[in-house]
Amino acid sequence: MKKLLLLAALSFLAAPLFAQAKPCDELKSEISAKLQAKGVKDPDSRLAIVSTEEVKDQKVVGSCEGGKKKITYEAAGASSAPKADAAAKPAGN
């Protein structure tokens, strides 16, 4: 009986590890479909697959390749890059 309980407990603990083993492109497609079904994803927003180290201000919505990569969501109009018009202005104006 103890072995059965131990096996059941280990299977519950191991389940998230198997879920993370999903290929990133497949997980990204599933997340995109769920967002569109809920009316959350706007056509100008984007999902991106990035390494864990590259995550900055984006919202992480998934993890893949055993946690080595993250799927991030960036809403339309939000960007971590500097605005082009601000960068083009001469200093002192």
N, C-alpha and C. Protein backbone atom coordinates (compact mmCIF):
# COMPACT_ATOMS: atom_id res chain seq x y z
N MET A 1 0.82 -1.19 0.00
CA MET A 1 0.00 0.00 0.00
C MET A 1 0.86 1.26 0.00
N LYS A 2 1.96 1.23 0.79
CA LYS A 2 2.85 2.39 0.84
C LYS A 2 3.49 2.65 -0.51
N LYS A 3 3.83 1.57 -1.22
CA LYS A 3 4.45 1.73 -2.54
C LYS A 3 3.47 2.37 -3.52
N LEU A 4 2.21 1.99 -3.42
CA LEU A 4 1.19 2.55 -4.30
C LEU A 4 1.01 4.04 -4.03
N LEU A 5 0.97 4.43 -2.76
CA LEU A 5 0.84 5.84 -2.41
C LEU A 5 2.07 6.63 -2.85
N LEU A 6 3.24 6.05 -2.68
CA LEU A 6 4.47 6.71 -3.11
C LEU A 6 4.48 6.89 -4.62
N LEU A 7 4.07 5.89 -5.34
CA LEU A 7 4.01 5.97 -6.80
C LEU A 7 3.02 7.05 -7.25
N ALA A 8 1.88 7.11 -6.59
CA ALA A 8 0.87 8.12 -6.93
C ALA A 8 1.41 9.52 -6.65
N ALA A 9 2.07 9.69 -5.50
CA ALA A 9 2.63 11.00 -5.16
C ALA A 9 3.71 11.42 -6.15
N LEU A 10 4.56 10.50 -6.52
CA LEU A 10 5.62 10.83 -7.48
C LEU A 10 5.06 11.17 -8.86
N SER A 11 3.99 10.50 -9.25
CA SER A 11 3.41 10.79 -10.56
C SER A 11 2.81 12.19 -10.60
N PHE A 12 2.23 12.66 -9.48
CA PHE A 12 1.71 14.02 -9.42
C PHE A 12 2.84 15.05 -9.45
N LEU A 13 3.93 14.73 -8.80
CA LEU A 13 5.07 15.65 -8.79
C LEU A 13 5.77 15.69 -10.14
N ALA A 14 5.79 14.59 -10.85
CA ALA A 14 6.49 14.52 -12.13
C ALA A 14 5.67 15.09 -13.29
N ALA A 15 4.38 15.21 -13.13
CA ALA A 15 3.51 15.68 -14.22
C ALA A 15 3.93 17.04 -14.77
N PRO A 16 4.25 18.05 -13.93
CA PRO A 16 4.68 19.33 -14.49
C PRO A 16 5.98 19.24 -15.29
N LEU A 17 6.86 18.32 -14.93
CA LEU A 17 8.10 18.17 -15.68
C LEU A 17 7.83 17.69 -17.09
N PHE A 18 6.88 16.77 -17.23
CA PHE A 18 6.54 16.29 -18.57
C PHE A 18 5.84 17.37 -19.38
N ALA A 19 5.06 18.21 -18.74
CA ALA A 19 4.35 19.28 -19.44
C ALA A 19 5.35 20.29 -20.02
N GLN A 20 6.46 20.54 -19.33
CA GLN A 20 7.44 21.49 -19.81
C GLN A 20 8.26 20.94 -20.96
N ALA A 21 8.23 19.64 -21.19
CA ALA A 21 9.02 19.04 -22.25
C ALA A 21 8.39 19.27 -23.63
N LYS A 22 7.26 19.93 -23.69
CA LYS A 22 6.56 20.18 -24.95
C LYS A 22 7.41 21.12 -25.82
N PRO A 23 7.45 20.87 -27.13
CA PRO A 23 8.18 21.77 -28.02
C PRO A 23 7.63 23.20 -27.95
N CYS A 24 8.52 24.17 -28.01
CA CYS A 24 8.14 25.57 -27.85
C CYS A 24 7.13 26.03 -28.90
N ASP A 25 7.33 25.66 -30.15
CA ASP A 25 6.41 26.10 -31.20
C ASP A 25 4.99 25.57 -30.98
N GLU A 26 4.91 24.33 -30.53
CA GLU A 26 3.60 23.73 -30.25
C GLU A 26 2.92 24.44 -29.09
N LEU A 27 3.66 24.70 -28.03
CA LEU A 27 3.09 25.39 -26.88
C LEU A 27 2.67 26.82 -27.23
N LYS A 28 3.50 27.49 -28.03
CA LYS A 28 3.18 28.86 -28.46
C LYS A 28 1.87 28.88 -29.25
N SER A 29 1.68 27.91 -30.13
CA SER A 29 0.43 27.83 -30.91
C SER A 29 -0.77 27.59 -30.01
N GLU A 30 -0.61 26.73 -29.01
CA GLU A 30 -1.71 26.46 -28.09
C GLU A 30 -2.07 27.70 -27.28
N ILE A 31 -1.06 28.42 -26.80
CA ILE A 31 -1.31 29.63 -26.02
C ILE A 31 -1.98 30.69 -26.89
N SER A 32 -1.53 30.84 -28.12
CA SER A 32 -2.12 31.81 -29.04
C SER A 32 -3.60 31.49 -29.28
N ALA A 33 -3.89 30.22 -29.49
CA ALA A 33 -5.28 29.81 -29.73
C ALA A 33 -6.16 30.10 -28.50
N LYS A 34 -5.62 29.84 -27.31
CA LYS A 34 -6.38 30.10 -26.08
C LYS A 34 -6.63 31.59 -25.90
N LEU A 35 -5.63 32.40 -26.18
CA LEU A 35 -5.79 33.85 -26.04
C LEU A 35 -6.83 34.38 -27.02
N GLN A 36 -6.78 33.90 -28.26
CA GLN A 36 -7.75 34.35 -29.26
C GLN A 36 -9.16 33.88 -28.92
N ALA A 37 -9.28 32.66 -28.38
CA ALA A 37 -10.60 32.14 -28.01
C ALA A 37 -11.22 32.96 -26.88
N LYS A 38 -10.38 33.49 -26.00
CA LYS A 38 -10.88 34.32 -24.89
C LYS A 38 -11.00 35.78 -25.28
N GLY A 39 -10.61 36.10 -26.51
CA GLY A 39 -10.71 37.49 -26.97
C GLY A 39 -9.63 38.39 -26.38
N VAL A 40 -8.54 37.81 -25.89
CA VAL A 40 -7.49 38.59 -25.25
C VAL A 40 -6.45 39.07 -26.25
N LYS A 41 -6.07 38.23 -27.17
CA LYS A 41 -4.96 38.56 -28.07
C LYS A 41 -5.43 39.44 -29.20
N ASP A 42 -4.85 40.59 -29.29
CA ASP A 42 -5.16 41.51 -30.37
C ASP A 42 -4.14 41.27 -31.48
N PRO A 43 -4.52 41.49 -32.74
CA PRO A 43 -3.66 41.15 -33.86
C PRO A 43 -2.28 41.81 -33.81
N ASP A 44 -2.17 42.96 -33.14
CA ASP A 44 -0.89 43.65 -33.09
C ASP A 44 -0.02 43.22 -31.91
N SER A 45 -0.55 42.40 -31.01
CA SER A 45 0.25 41.91 -29.90
C SER A 45 1.07 40.73 -30.40
N ARG A 46 2.06 40.31 -29.59
CA ARG A 46 2.86 39.20 -30.08
C ARG A 46 3.32 38.28 -28.96
N LEU A 47 3.43 37.01 -29.34
CA LEU A 47 4.02 35.99 -28.49
C LEU A 47 5.41 35.71 -29.05
N ALA A 48 6.38 35.55 -28.18
CA ALA A 48 7.74 35.29 -28.62
C ALA A 48 8.37 34.19 -27.77
N ILE A 49 9.23 33.41 -28.40
CA ILE A 49 9.99 32.39 -27.69
C ILE A 49 11.37 32.96 -27.46
N VAL A 50 11.76 33.08 -26.20
CA VAL A 50 13.07 33.66 -25.86
C VAL A 50 13.74 32.79 -24.81
N SER A 51 15.07 32.89 -24.74
CA SER A 51 15.77 32.17 -23.68
C SER A 51 15.43 32.83 -22.35
N THR A 52 15.55 32.09 -21.29
CA THR A 52 15.20 32.59 -19.97
C THR A 52 15.98 33.86 -19.64
N GLU A 53 17.24 33.94 -20.06
CA GLU A 53 18.07 35.11 -19.77
C GLU A 53 17.60 36.36 -20.50
N GLU A 54 16.91 36.20 -21.62
CA GLU A 54 16.48 37.34 -22.44
C GLU A 54 15.19 37.98 -21.95
N VAL A 55 14.50 37.37 -21.00
CA VAL A 55 13.23 37.93 -20.51
C VAL A 55 13.51 39.22 -19.76
N LYS A 56 12.82 40.28 -20.15
CA LYS A 56 12.99 41.57 -19.50
C LYS A 56 11.65 42.02 -18.92
N ASP A 57 10.97 42.92 -19.59
CA ASP A 57 9.70 43.45 -19.10
C ASP A 57 8.48 42.71 -19.64
N GLN A 58 8.70 41.72 -20.49
CA GLN A 58 7.58 41.00 -21.07
C GLN A 58 6.88 40.14 -20.01
N LYS A 59 5.65 39.83 -20.28
CA LYS A 59 4.89 38.94 -19.40
C LYS A 59 5.14 37.50 -19.87
N VAL A 60 5.62 36.65 -18.97
CA VAL A 60 5.86 35.25 -19.31
C VAL A 60 4.54 34.49 -19.21
N VAL A 61 4.18 33.81 -20.31
CA VAL A 61 2.92 33.07 -20.34
C VAL A 61 3.13 31.57 -20.51
N GLY A 62 4.39 31.15 -20.64
CA GLY A 62 4.67 29.73 -20.79
C GLY A 62 6.15 29.44 -20.66
N SER A 63 6.45 28.18 -20.43
CA SER A 63 7.83 27.73 -20.31
C SER A 63 7.98 26.45 -21.10
N CYS A 64 9.09 26.29 -21.79
CA CYS A 64 9.30 25.10 -22.60
C CYS A 64 10.78 24.71 -22.58
N GLU A 65 11.07 23.59 -23.21
CA GLU A 65 12.42 23.03 -23.24
C GLU A 65 12.99 22.90 -21.83
N GLY A 66 12.17 22.38 -20.93
CA GLY A 66 12.61 22.14 -19.56
C GLY A 66 12.95 23.40 -18.80
N GLY A 67 12.31 24.51 -19.15
CA GLY A 67 12.55 25.77 -18.46
C GLY A 67 13.67 26.61 -19.05
N LYS A 68 14.31 26.12 -20.10
CA LYS A 68 15.40 26.87 -20.74
C LYS A 68 14.89 28.04 -21.56
N LYS A 69 13.66 27.93 -22.04
CA LYS A 69 13.06 29.00 -22.85
C LYS A 69 11.71 29.38 -22.27
N LYS A 70 11.32 30.62 -22.52
CA LYS A 70 10.04 31.14 -22.05
C LYS A 70 9.26 31.66 -23.24
N ILE A 71 7.95 31.62 -23.11
CA ILE A 71 7.07 32.22 -24.12
C ILE A 71 6.54 33.49 -23.48
N THR A 72 6.79 34.60 -24.14
CA THR A 72 6.39 35.89 -23.58
C THR A 72 5.29 36.52 -24.41
N TYR A 73 4.51 37.37 -23.76
CA TYR A 73 3.41 38.09 -24.41
C TYR A 73 3.69 39.57 -24.29
N GLU A 74 3.66 40.25 -25.40
CA GLU A 74 3.84 41.70 -25.40
C GLU A 74 2.62 42.32 -26.06
N ALA A 75 1.91 43.15 -25.33
CA ALA A 75 0.70 43.78 -25.85
C ALA A 75 1.04 44.77 -26.96
N ALA A 76 0.08 45.04 -27.79
CA ALA A 76 0.25 46.00 -28.87
C ALA A 76 0.62 47.35 -28.29
N GLY A 77 1.60 48.01 -28.91
CA GLY A 77 2.02 49.33 -28.46
C GLY A 77 3.07 49.29 -27.37
N ALA A 78 3.21 48.16 -26.67
CA ALA A 78 4.25 48.05 -25.63
C ALA A 78 5.51 47.52 -26.28
N SER A 79 6.60 48.15 -26.00
CA SER A 79 7.86 47.72 -26.57
C SER A 79 8.99 48.06 -25.63
N SER A 80 9.95 47.16 -25.52
CA SER A 80 11.10 47.43 -24.67
C SER A 80 12.16 48.23 -25.44
N ALA A 81 11.98 48.37 -26.75
CA ALA A 81 12.93 49.15 -27.54
C ALA A 81 12.63 50.64 -27.42
N PRO A 82 13.64 51.48 -27.49
CA PRO A 82 13.38 52.92 -27.41
C PRO A 82 12.60 53.39 -28.62
N LYS A 83 11.82 54.42 -28.42
CA LYS A 83 11.02 54.97 -29.50
C LYS A 83 11.95 55.58 -30.55
N ALA A 84 11.62 55.38 -31.83
CA ALA A 84 12.46 55.86 -32.93
C ALA A 84 12.53 57.38 -32.94
N ASP A 85 11.41 58.05 -32.68
CA ASP A 85 11.41 59.50 -32.74
C ASP A 85 12.21 60.10 -31.60
N ALA A 86 12.23 59.46 -30.44
CA ALA A 86 13.01 59.96 -29.32
C ALA A 86 14.50 59.80 -29.59
N ALA A 87 14.88 58.72 -30.24
CA ALA A 87 16.29 58.49 -30.54
C ALA A 87 16.79 59.43 -31.63
N ALA A 88 15.90 59.89 -32.51
CA ALA A 88 16.30 60.73 -33.63
C ALA A 88 16.44 62.21 -33.25
N LYS A 89 15.89 62.62 -32.10
CA LYS A 89 15.97 64.01 -31.70
C LYS A 89 17.39 64.40 -31.33
N PRO A 90 17.88 65.53 -31.81
CA PRO A 90 19.21 65.98 -31.44
C PRO A 90 19.22 66.39 -29.97
N ALA A 91 20.36 66.21 -29.32
CA ALA A 91 20.49 66.57 -27.91
C ALA A 91 20.37 68.06 -27.73
N GLY A 92 19.72 68.48 -26.66
CA GLY A 92 19.60 69.91 -26.35
C GLY A 92 18.36 70.56 -26.93
N ASN A 93 17.50 69.84 -27.64
CA ASN A 93 16.28 70.42 -28.21
C ASN A 93 15.10 70.01 -27.43
